[in-house]
All heavy atoms as atom14 arrays in JSON, in Angstrom:
{
  "sequence": "SIRARLILILTGFIVVFVSVNMFMNIFFLERYYTYQKKEVLKDI",
  "atom14_mask": [
    [1, 1, 1, 1, 1, 1, 0, 0, 0, 0, 0, 0, 0, 0],
    [1, 1, 1, 1, 1, 1, 1, 1, 0, 0, 0, 0, 0, 0],
    [1, 1, 1, 1, 1, 1, 1, 1, 1, 1, 1, 0, 0, 0],
    [1, 1, 1, 1, 1, 0, 0, 0, 0, 0, 0, 0, 0, 0],
    [1, 1, 1, 1, 1, 1, 1, 1, 1, 1, 1, 0, 0, 0],
    [1, 1, 1, 1, 1, 1, 1, 1, 0, 0, 0, 0, 0, 0],
    [1, 1, 1, 1, 1, 1, 1, 1, 0, 0, 0, 0, 0, 0],
    [1, 1, 1, 1, 1, 1, 1, 1, 0, 0, 0, 0, 0, 0],
    [1, 1, 1, 1, 1, 1, 1, 1, 0, 0, 0, 0, 0, 0],
    [1, 1, 1, 1, 1, 1, 1, 1, 0, 0, 0, 0, 0, 0],
    [1, 1, 1, 1, 1, 1, 1, 0, 0, 0, 0, 0, 0, 0],
    [1, 1, 1, 1, 0, 0, 0, 0, 0, 0, 0, 0, 0, 0],
    [1, 1, 1, 1, 1, 1, 1, 1, 1, 1, 1, 0, 0, 0],
    [1, 1, 1, 1, 1, 1, 1, 1, 0, 0, 0, 0, 0, 0],
    [1, 1, 1, 1, 1, 1, 1, 0, 0, 0, 0, 0, 0, 0],
    [1, 1, 1, 1, 1, 1, 1, 0, 0, 0, 0, 0, 0, 0],
    [1, 1, 1, 1, 1, 1, 1, 1, 1, 1, 1, 0, 0, 0],
    [1, 1, 1, 1, 1, 1, 1, 0, 0, 0, 0, 0, 0, 0],
    [1, 1, 1, 1, 1, 1, 0, 0, 0, 0, 0, 0, 0, 0],
    [1, 1, 1, 1, 1, 1, 1, 0, 0, 0, 0, 0, 0, 0],
    [1, 1, 1, 1, 1, 1, 1, 1, 0, 0, 0, 0, 0, 0],
    [1, 1, 1, 1, 1, 1, 1, 1, 0, 0, 0, 0, 0, 0],
    [1, 1, 1, 1, 1, 1, 1, 1, 1, 1, 1, 0, 0, 0],
    [1, 1, 1, 1, 1, 1, 1, 1, 0, 0, 0, 0, 0, 0],
    [1, 1, 1, 1, 1, 1, 1, 1, 0, 0, 0, 0, 0, 0],
    [1, 1, 1, 1, 1, 1, 1, 1, 0, 0, 0, 0, 0, 0],
    [1, 1, 1, 1, 1, 1, 1, 1, 1, 1, 1, 0, 0, 0],
    [1, 1, 1, 1, 1, 1, 1, 1, 1, 1, 1, 0, 0, 0],
    [1, 1, 1, 1, 1, 1, 1, 1, 0, 0, 0, 0, 0, 0],
    [1, 1, 1, 1, 1, 1, 1, 1, 1, 0, 0, 0, 0, 0],
    [1, 1, 1, 1, 1, 1, 1, 1, 1, 1, 1, 0, 0, 0],
    [1, 1, 1, 1, 1, 1, 1, 1, 1, 1, 1, 1, 0, 0],
    [1, 1, 1, 1, 1, 1, 1, 1, 1, 1, 1, 1, 0, 0],
    [1, 1, 1, 1, 1, 1, 1, 0, 0, 0, 0, 0, 0, 0],
    [1, 1, 1, 1, 1, 1, 1, 1, 1, 1, 1, 1, 0, 0],
    [1, 1, 1, 1, 1, 1, 1, 1, 1, 0, 0, 0, 0, 0],
    [1, 1, 1, 1, 1, 1, 1, 1, 1, 0, 0, 0, 0, 0],
    [1, 1, 1, 1, 1, 1, 1, 1, 1, 0, 0, 0, 0, 0],
    [1, 1, 1, 1, 1, 1, 1, 1, 1, 0, 0, 0, 0, 0],
    [1, 1, 1, 1, 1, 1, 1, 0, 0, 0, 0, 0, 0, 0],
    [1, 1, 1, 1, 1, 1, 1, 1, 0, 0, 0, 0, 0, 0],
    [1, 1, 1, 1, 1, 1, 1, 1, 1, 0, 0, 0, 0, 0],
    [1, 1, 1, 1, 1, 1, 1, 1, 0, 0, 0, 0, 0, 0],
    [1, 1, 1, 1, 1, 1, 1, 1, 0, 0, 0, 0, 0, 0]
  ],
  "atom14_positions": [
    [[-23.02, -20.73, -1.75], [-23.92, -19.65, -1.36], [-23.31, -18.29, -1.7], [-22.09, -18.12, -1.76], [-24.2, -19.72, 0.15], [-23.03, -19.43, 0.88], [0.0, 0.0, 0.0], [0.0, 0.0, 0.0], [0.0, 0.0, 0.0], [0.0, 0.0, 0.0], [0.0, 0.0, 0.0], [0.0, 0.0, 0.0], [0.0, 0.0, 0.0], [0.0, 0.0, 0.0]],
    [[-24.19, -17.34, -1.91], [-23.75, -15.96, -2.21], [-23.02, -15.39, -1.01], [-22.04, -14.66, -1.16], [-24.97, -15.1, -2.57], [-25.59, -15.6, -3.89], [-24.59, -13.64, -2.7], [-26.83, -14.86, -4.28], [0.0, 0.0, 0.0], [0.0, 0.0, 0.0], [0.0, 0.0, 0.0], [0.0, 0.0, 0.0], [0.0, 0.0, 0.0], [0.0, 0.0, 0.0]],
    [[-23.51, -15.7, 0.2], [-22.88, -15.16, 1.41], [-21.43, -15.61, 1.51], [-20.54, -14.81, 1.8], [-23.66, -15.62, 2.63], [-23.11, -15.09, 3.94], [-24.04, -15.37, 5.1], [-24.26, -16.78, 5.26], [-25.14, -17.3, 6.11], [-25.86, -16.5, 6.84], [-25.29, -18.59, 6.23], [0.0, 0.0, 0.0], [0.0, 0.0, 0.0], [0.0, 0.0, 0.0]],
    [[-21.15, -16.91, 1.25], [-19.78, -17.42, 1.33], [-18.9, -16.75, 0.28], [-17.76, -16.34, 0.57], [-19.77, -18.93, 1.15], [0.0, 0.0, 0.0], [0.0, 0.0, 0.0], [0.0, 0.0, 0.0], [0.0, 0.0, 0.0], [0.0, 0.0, 0.0], [0.0, 0.0, 0.0], [0.0, 0.0, 0.0], [0.0, 0.0, 0.0], [0.0, 0.0, 0.0]],
    [[-19.44, -16.62, -0.93], [-18.64, -15.97, -1.97], [-18.38, -14.5, -1.66], [-17.3, -13.97, -1.93], [-19.35, -16.11, -3.31], [-19.2, -17.51, -3.93], [-19.83, -17.58, -5.29], [-21.27, -17.65, -5.18], [-22.1, -17.63, -6.22], [-21.61, -17.48, -7.43], [-23.39, -17.73, -6.04], [0.0, 0.0, 0.0], [0.0, 0.0, 0.0], [0.0, 0.0, 0.0]],
    [[-19.39, -13.84, -1.08], [-19.22, -12.43, -0.71], [-18.13, -12.29, 0.35], [-17.27, -11.4, 0.26], [-20.55, -11.88, -0.19], [-20.58, -10.4, 0.2], [-20.3, -9.53, -1.01], [-21.91, -10.04, 0.83], [0.0, 0.0, 0.0], [0.0, 0.0, 0.0], [0.0, 0.0, 0.0], [0.0, 0.0, 0.0], [0.0, 0.0, 0.0], [0.0, 0.0, 0.0]],
    [[-18.16, -13.17, 1.36], [-17.13, -13.12, 2.42], [-15.75, -13.38, 1.83], [-14.78, -12.66, 2.12], [-17.46, -14.16, 3.51], [-18.75, -13.76, 4.24], [-16.31, -14.28, 4.5], [-19.25, -14.8, 5.21], [0.0, 0.0, 0.0], [0.0, 0.0, 0.0], [0.0, 0.0, 0.0], [0.0, 0.0, 0.0], [0.0, 0.0, 0.0], [0.0, 0.0, 0.0]],
    [[-15.63, -14.4, 0.97], [-14.33, -14.73, 0.38], [-13.81, -13.6, -0.5], [-12.63, -13.25, -0.45], [-14.46, -16.03, -0.43], [-14.67, -17.31, 0.39], [-14.89, -18.49, -0.54], [-13.48, -17.57, 1.3], [0.0, 0.0, 0.0], [0.0, 0.0, 0.0], [0.0, 0.0, 0.0], [0.0, 0.0, 0.0], [0.0, 0.0, 0.0], [0.0, 0.0, 0.0]],
    [[-14.69, -13.02, -1.29], [-14.26, -11.95, -2.21], [-13.78, -10.73, -1.43], [-12.7, -10.19, -1.68], [-15.4, -11.58, -3.17], [-15.66, -12.72, -4.16], [-15.07, -10.3, -3.93], [-16.89, -12.53, -5.02], [0.0, 0.0, 0.0], [0.0, 0.0, 0.0], [0.0, 0.0, 0.0], [0.0, 0.0, 0.0], [0.0, 0.0, 0.0], [0.0, 0.0, 0.0]],
    [[-14.59, -10.29, -0.46], [-14.23, -9.09, 0.28], [-13.01, -9.34, 1.16], [-12.14, -8.46, 1.3], [-15.4, -8.63, 1.14], [-16.62, -8.13, 0.36], [-17.73, -7.71, 1.3], [-16.24, -6.95, -0.53], [0.0, 0.0, 0.0], [0.0, 0.0, 0.0], [0.0, 0.0, 0.0], [0.0, 0.0, 0.0], [0.0, 0.0, 0.0], [0.0, 0.0, 0.0]],
    [[-12.91, -10.54, 1.76], [-11.71, -10.87, 2.54], [-10.49, -10.9, 1.63], [-9.4, -10.44, 2.0], [-11.89, -12.24, 3.23], [-13.06, -12.2, 4.05], [-10.68, -12.57, 4.1], [0.0, 0.0, 0.0], [0.0, 0.0, 0.0], [0.0, 0.0, 0.0], [0.0, 0.0, 0.0], [0.0, 0.0, 0.0], [0.0, 0.0, 0.0], [0.0, 0.0, 0.0]],
    [[-10.64, -11.44, 0.42], [-9.54, -11.45, -0.55], [-9.11, -10.05, -0.91], [-7.9, -9.77, -1.03], [0.0, 0.0, 0.0], [0.0, 0.0, 0.0], [0.0, 0.0, 0.0], [0.0, 0.0, 0.0], [0.0, 0.0, 0.0], [0.0, 0.0, 0.0], [0.0, 0.0, 0.0], [0.0, 0.0, 0.0], [0.0, 0.0, 0.0], [0.0, 0.0, 0.0]],
    [[-10.07, -9.13, -1.05], [-9.73, -7.74, -1.36], [-8.9, -7.14, -0.22], [-7.94, -6.4, -0.45], [-11.0, -6.91, -1.57], [-11.51, -6.97, -2.99], [-12.82, -7.32, -3.25], [-10.69, -6.67, -4.06], [-13.3, -7.39, -4.55], [-11.16, -6.71, -5.36], [-12.46, -7.08, -5.61], [0.0, 0.0, 0.0], [0.0, 0.0, 0.0], [0.0, 0.0, 0.0]],
    [[-9.32, -7.42, 1.03], [-8.58, -6.88, 2.17], [-7.15, -7.42, 2.18], [-6.18, -6.68, 2.39], [-9.31, -7.23, 3.48], [-10.67, -6.52, 3.54], [-8.46, -6.86, 4.69], [-11.53, -6.92, 4.71], [0.0, 0.0, 0.0], [0.0, 0.0, 0.0], [0.0, 0.0, 0.0], [0.0, 0.0, 0.0], [0.0, 0.0, 0.0], [0.0, 0.0, 0.0]],
    [[-7.0, -8.75, 1.96], [-5.67, -9.36, 1.95], [-4.81, -8.75, 0.84], [-3.63, -8.42, 1.05], [-5.78, -10.89, 1.78], [-4.41, -11.52, 1.55], [-6.44, -11.51, 3.0], [0.0, 0.0, 0.0], [0.0, 0.0, 0.0], [0.0, 0.0, 0.0], [0.0, 0.0, 0.0], [0.0, 0.0, 0.0], [0.0, 0.0, 0.0], [0.0, 0.0, 0.0]],
    [[-5.4, -8.6, -0.34], [-4.65, -8.01, -1.46], [-4.24, -6.58, -1.14], [-3.11, -6.16, -1.4], [-5.49, -8.08, -2.75], [-4.84, -7.26, -3.86], [-5.66, -9.51, -3.2], [0.0, 0.0, 0.0], [0.0, 0.0, 0.0], [0.0, 0.0, 0.0], [0.0, 0.0, 0.0], [0.0, 0.0, 0.0], [0.0, 0.0, 0.0], [0.0, 0.0, 0.0]],
    [[-5.18, -5.82, -0.54], [-4.88, -4.43, -0.2], [-3.72, -4.34, 0.79], [-2.79, -3.54, 0.61], [-6.13, -3.76, 0.38], [-5.89, -2.37, 0.9], [-5.79, -1.3, 0.03], [-5.76, -2.14, 2.26], [-5.55, -0.02, 0.5], [-5.53, -0.87, 2.74], [-5.42, 0.19, 1.87], [0.0, 0.0, 0.0], [0.0, 0.0, 0.0], [0.0, 0.0, 0.0]],
    [[-3.77, -5.16, 1.84], [-2.7, -5.15, 2.84], [-1.38, -5.59, 2.21], [-0.32, -5.0, 2.46], [-3.07, -6.06, 4.03], [-1.89, -6.2, 4.99], [-4.29, -5.5, 4.77], [0.0, 0.0, 0.0], [0.0, 0.0, 0.0], [0.0, 0.0, 0.0], [0.0, 0.0, 0.0], [0.0, 0.0, 0.0], [0.0, 0.0, 0.0], [0.0, 0.0, 0.0]],
    [[-1.41, -6.62, 1.37], [-0.18, -7.12, 0.73], [0.42, -6.07, -0.19], [1.64, -5.85, -0.2], [-0.49, -8.4, -0.06], [-1.0, -9.41, 0.79], [0.0, 0.0, 0.0], [0.0, 0.0, 0.0], [0.0, 0.0, 0.0], [0.0, 0.0, 0.0], [0.0, 0.0, 0.0], [0.0, 0.0, 0.0], [0.0, 0.0, 0.0], [0.0, 0.0, 0.0]],
    [[-0.42, -5.42, -0.97], [0.08, -4.37, -1.87], [0.69, -3.22, -1.06], [1.73, -2.66, -1.42], [-1.06, -3.87, -2.78], [-0.64, -2.61, -3.55], [-1.46, -4.96, -3.77], [0.0, 0.0, 0.0], [0.0, 0.0, 0.0], [0.0, 0.0, 0.0], [0.0, 0.0, 0.0], [0.0, 0.0, 0.0], [0.0, 0.0, 0.0], [0.0, 0.0, 0.0]],
    [[0.04, -2.87, 0.05], [0.55, -1.8, 0.89], [1.92, -2.16, 1.45], [2.85, -1.32, 1.46], [-0.45, -1.53, 2.01], [-0.22, -0.17, 2.65], [0.47, 0.68, 2.09], [-0.8, 0.05, 3.82], [0.0, 0.0, 0.0], [0.0, 0.0, 0.0], [0.0, 0.0, 0.0], [0.0, 0.0, 0.0], [0.0, 0.0, 0.0], [0.0, 0.0, 0.0]],
    [[2.08, -3.42, 1.89], [3.36, -3.85, 2.42], [4.42, -3.87, 1.32], [5.58, -3.48, 1.52], [3.24, -5.24, 3.05], [2.38, -5.25, 4.31], [2.13, -6.91, 4.98], [3.82, -7.33, 5.44], [0.0, 0.0, 0.0], [0.0, 0.0, 0.0], [0.0, 0.0, 0.0], [0.0, 0.0, 0.0], [0.0, 0.0, 0.0], [0.0, 0.0, 0.0]],
    [[4.07, -4.31, 0.15], [4.99, -4.33, -0.99], [5.45, -2.91, -1.33], [6.63, -2.67, -1.57], [4.3, -4.98, -2.19], [5.11, -4.95, -3.44], [6.09, -5.9, -3.69], [4.9, -3.96, -4.41], [6.84, -5.87, -4.84], [5.64, -3.92, -5.57], [6.61, -4.89, -5.8], [0.0, 0.0, 0.0], [0.0, 0.0, 0.0], [0.0, 0.0, 0.0]],
    [[4.5, -1.98, -1.34], [4.85, -0.6, -1.64], [5.77, -0.03, -0.56], [6.72, 0.73, -0.86], [3.57, 0.25, -1.73], [2.64, -0.15, -2.87], [3.37, 0.14, -4.5], [3.39, 1.92, -4.55], [0.0, 0.0, 0.0], [0.0, 0.0, 0.0], [0.0, 0.0, 0.0], [0.0, 0.0, 0.0], [0.0, 0.0, 0.0], [0.0, 0.0, 0.0]],
    [[5.51, -0.39, 0.71], [6.39, 0.08, 1.78], [7.82, -0.43, 1.59], [8.79, 0.32, 1.75], [5.85, -0.4, 3.14], [4.71, 0.47, 3.61], [4.41, 1.5, 3.02], [4.07, 0.05, 4.69], [0.0, 0.0, 0.0], [0.0, 0.0, 0.0], [0.0, 0.0, 0.0], [0.0, 0.0, 0.0], [0.0, 0.0, 0.0], [0.0, 0.0, 0.0]],
    [[7.94, -1.72, 1.26], [9.26, -2.34, 1.15], [10.06, -1.76, -0.01], [11.24, -1.42, 0.12], [9.12, -3.86, 1.01], [8.55, -4.46, 2.31], [10.47, -4.51, 0.68], [8.19, -5.93, 2.19], [0.0, 0.0, 0.0], [0.0, 0.0, 0.0], [0.0, 0.0, 0.0], [0.0, 0.0, 0.0], [0.0, 0.0, 0.0], [0.0, 0.0, 0.0]],
    [[9.43, -1.6, -1.15], [10.16, -1.25, -2.37], [10.11, 0.23, -2.74], [10.94, 0.7, -3.53], [9.65, -2.09, -3.55], [9.95, -3.55, -3.42], [9.0, -4.44, -2.95], [11.21, -4.04, -3.75], [9.28, -5.79, -2.83], [11.5, -5.39, -3.63], [10.53, -6.27, -3.17], [0.0, 0.0, 0.0], [0.0, 0.0, 0.0], [0.0, 0.0, 0.0]],
    [[9.16, 0.97, -2.21], [9.01, 2.36, -2.68], [9.0, 3.39, -1.56], [9.14, 4.58, -1.83], [7.71, 2.51, -3.49], [7.69, 1.68, -4.74], [6.98, 0.49, -4.78], [8.38, 2.09, -5.86], [6.95, -0.28, -5.92], [8.36, 1.33, -7.01], [7.66, 0.13, -7.04], [0.0, 0.0, 0.0], [0.0, 0.0, 0.0], [0.0, 0.0, 0.0]],
    [[8.8, 2.94, -0.32], [8.7, 3.93, 0.75], [10.0, 4.71, 0.93], [10.0, 5.94, 1.1], [8.3, 3.24, 2.06], [8.1, 4.18, 3.26], [7.01, 5.2, 2.95], [7.74, 3.38, 4.51], [0.0, 0.0, 0.0], [0.0, 0.0, 0.0], [0.0, 0.0, 0.0], [0.0, 0.0, 0.0], [0.0, 0.0, 0.0], [0.0, 0.0, 0.0]],
    [[11.16, 4.02, 0.9], [12.45, 4.7, 1.08], [12.69, 5.7, -0.04], [13.13, 6.83, 0.2], [13.57, 3.66, 1.12], [14.94, 4.28, 1.38], [16.03, 3.23, 1.47], [15.7, 2.03, 1.46], [17.21, 3.62, 1.52], [0.0, 0.0, 0.0], [0.0, 0.0, 0.0], [0.0, 0.0, 0.0], [0.0, 0.0, 0.0], [0.0, 0.0, 0.0]],
    [[12.38, 5.28, -1.27], [12.56, 6.22, -2.4], [11.63, 7.43, -2.27], [12.05, 8.57, -2.54], [12.27, 5.5, -3.71], [13.23, 4.34, -4.0], [12.86, 3.67, -5.31], [13.7, 2.49, -5.54], [13.57, 1.69, -6.6], [12.64, 1.96, -7.51], [14.35, 0.63, -6.73], [0.0, 0.0, 0.0], [0.0, 0.0, 0.0], [0.0, 0.0, 0.0]],
    [[10.42, 7.13, -1.87], [9.47, 8.24, -1.73], [9.9, 9.18, -0.61], [9.81, 10.4, -0.73], [8.07, 7.69, -1.45], [7.01, 8.74, -1.3], [6.53, 9.42, -2.42], [6.51, 9.08, -0.05], [5.57, 10.4, -2.28], [5.55, 10.06, 0.09], [5.08, 10.72, -1.03], [4.13, 11.7, -0.91], [0.0, 0.0, 0.0], [0.0, 0.0, 0.0]],
    [[10.38, 8.59, 0.48], [10.84, 9.41, 1.59], [12.03, 10.28, 1.17], [12.11, 11.46, 1.51], [11.25, 8.5, 2.76], [11.63, 9.24, 4.0], [10.69, 9.77, 4.86], [12.99, 9.42, 4.32], [11.06, 10.45, 6.01], [13.37, 10.11, 5.47], [12.4, 10.62, 6.3], [12.78, 11.3, 7.44], [0.0, 0.0, 0.0], [0.0, 0.0, 0.0]],
    [[12.98, 9.7, 0.42], [14.12, 10.46, -0.09], [13.66, 11.59, -0.98], [14.15, 12.74, -0.89], [15.06, 9.53, -0.88], [15.48, 8.46, -0.03], [16.27, 10.28, -1.39], [0.0, 0.0, 0.0], [0.0, 0.0, 0.0], [0.0, 0.0, 0.0], [0.0, 0.0, 0.0], [0.0, 0.0, 0.0], [0.0, 0.0, 0.0], [0.0, 0.0, 0.0]],
    [[12.71, 11.29, -1.86], [12.17, 12.32, -2.75], [11.54, 13.46, -1.94], [11.76, 14.65, -2.23], [11.15, 11.7, -3.69], [10.35, 12.69, -4.49], [10.89, 13.3, -5.62], [9.05, 13.04, -4.09], [10.15, 14.24, -6.33], [8.32, 13.96, -4.8], [8.87, 14.56, -5.92], [8.14, 15.48, -6.62], [0.0, 0.0, 0.0], [0.0, 0.0, 0.0]],
    [[10.76, 13.09, -0.9], [10.1, 14.11, -0.1], [11.12, 14.95, 0.67], [10.97, 16.17, 0.79], [9.13, 13.44, 0.89], [7.86, 12.89, 0.24], [6.97, 14.01, -0.27], [7.21, 14.61, -1.32], [5.94, 14.31, 0.48], [0.0, 0.0, 0.0], [0.0, 0.0, 0.0], [0.0, 0.0, 0.0], [0.0, 0.0, 0.0], [0.0, 0.0, 0.0]],
    [[12.18, 14.3, 1.19], [13.22, 15.05, 1.89], [13.95, 16.02, 0.94], [14.3, 17.14, 1.33], [14.22, 14.1, 2.52], [13.73, 13.48, 3.82], [13.52, 14.55, 4.89], [13.05, 13.98, 6.21], [12.84, 15.02, 7.23], [0.0, 0.0, 0.0], [0.0, 0.0, 0.0], [0.0, 0.0, 0.0], [0.0, 0.0, 0.0], [0.0, 0.0, 0.0]],
    [[14.18, 15.55, -0.26], [14.8, 16.44, -1.26], [13.92, 17.67, -1.48], [14.41, 18.81, -1.54], [15.02, 15.69, -2.57], [16.14, 14.68, -2.53], [16.09, 13.74, -3.72], [16.15, 14.5, -5.03], [16.15, 13.56, -6.19], [0.0, 0.0, 0.0], [0.0, 0.0, 0.0], [0.0, 0.0, 0.0], [0.0, 0.0, 0.0], [0.0, 0.0, 0.0]],
    [[12.62, 17.46, -1.6], [11.7, 18.57, -1.82], [11.67, 19.5, -0.61], [11.56, 20.72, -0.75], [10.29, 18.03, -2.12], [10.18, 17.25, -3.42], [10.58, 18.09, -4.62], [10.11, 19.25, -4.71], [11.37, 17.61, -5.46], [0.0, 0.0, 0.0], [0.0, 0.0, 0.0], [0.0, 0.0, 0.0], [0.0, 0.0, 0.0], [0.0, 0.0, 0.0]],
    [[11.76, 18.9, 0.58], [11.76, 19.73, 1.79], [13.0, 20.63, 1.8], [12.92, 21.84, 2.1], [11.71, 18.84, 3.04], [12.01, 19.67, 4.31], [10.33, 18.2, 3.18], [0.0, 0.0, 0.0], [0.0, 0.0, 0.0], [0.0, 0.0, 0.0], [0.0, 0.0, 0.0], [0.0, 0.0, 0.0], [0.0, 0.0, 0.0], [0.0, 0.0, 0.0]],
    [[14.18, 20.07, 1.52], [15.41, 20.86, 1.49], [15.32, 21.96, 0.45], [15.75, 23.11, 0.69], [16.61, 19.96, 1.22], [16.93, 18.91, 2.3], [18.17, 18.11, 1.91], [17.12, 19.55, 3.66], [0.0, 0.0, 0.0], [0.0, 0.0, 0.0], [0.0, 0.0, 0.0], [0.0, 0.0, 0.0], [0.0, 0.0, 0.0], [0.0, 0.0, 0.0]],
    [[14.78, 21.63, -0.73], [14.61, 22.66, -1.78], [13.71, 23.78, -1.28], [14.0, 24.97, -1.47], [14.01, 22.04, -3.02], [14.91, 21.07, -3.77], [14.14, 20.51, -4.97], [14.94, 19.43, -5.68], [14.19, 18.84, -6.8], [0.0, 0.0, 0.0], [0.0, 0.0, 0.0], [0.0, 0.0, 0.0], [0.0, 0.0, 0.0], [0.0, 0.0, 0.0]],
    [[12.57, 23.4, -0.66], [11.61, 24.41, -0.21], [12.22, 25.31, 0.87], [11.98, 26.53, 0.88], [10.35, 23.72, 0.33], [9.55, 23.04, -0.77], [9.75, 23.39, -1.96], [8.73, 22.14, -0.45], [0.0, 0.0, 0.0], [0.0, 0.0, 0.0], [0.0, 0.0, 0.0], [0.0, 0.0, 0.0], [0.0, 0.0, 0.0], [0.0, 0.0, 0.0]],
    [[12.99, 24.72, 1.79], [13.61, 25.53, 2.84], [14.6, 26.52, 2.23], [14.61, 27.71, 2.59], [14.3, 24.63, 3.87], [13.25, 23.82, 4.65], [15.14, 25.46, 4.84], [13.86, 22.8, 5.59], [0.0, 0.0, 0.0], [0.0, 0.0, 0.0], [0.0, 0.0, 0.0], [0.0, 0.0, 0.0], [0.0, 0.0, 0.0], [0.0, 0.0, 0.0]]
  ]
}
């Protein structure tokens, strides 16, 4: 049914979105935070 496929597709998108967000947090959040702190020190 279209309804089942719609639920699976949209649920899959949510899972992928959450997983990508967690991946970005693990591997890039610290670097991004360091970069932002560097910019803050420069601006001050």
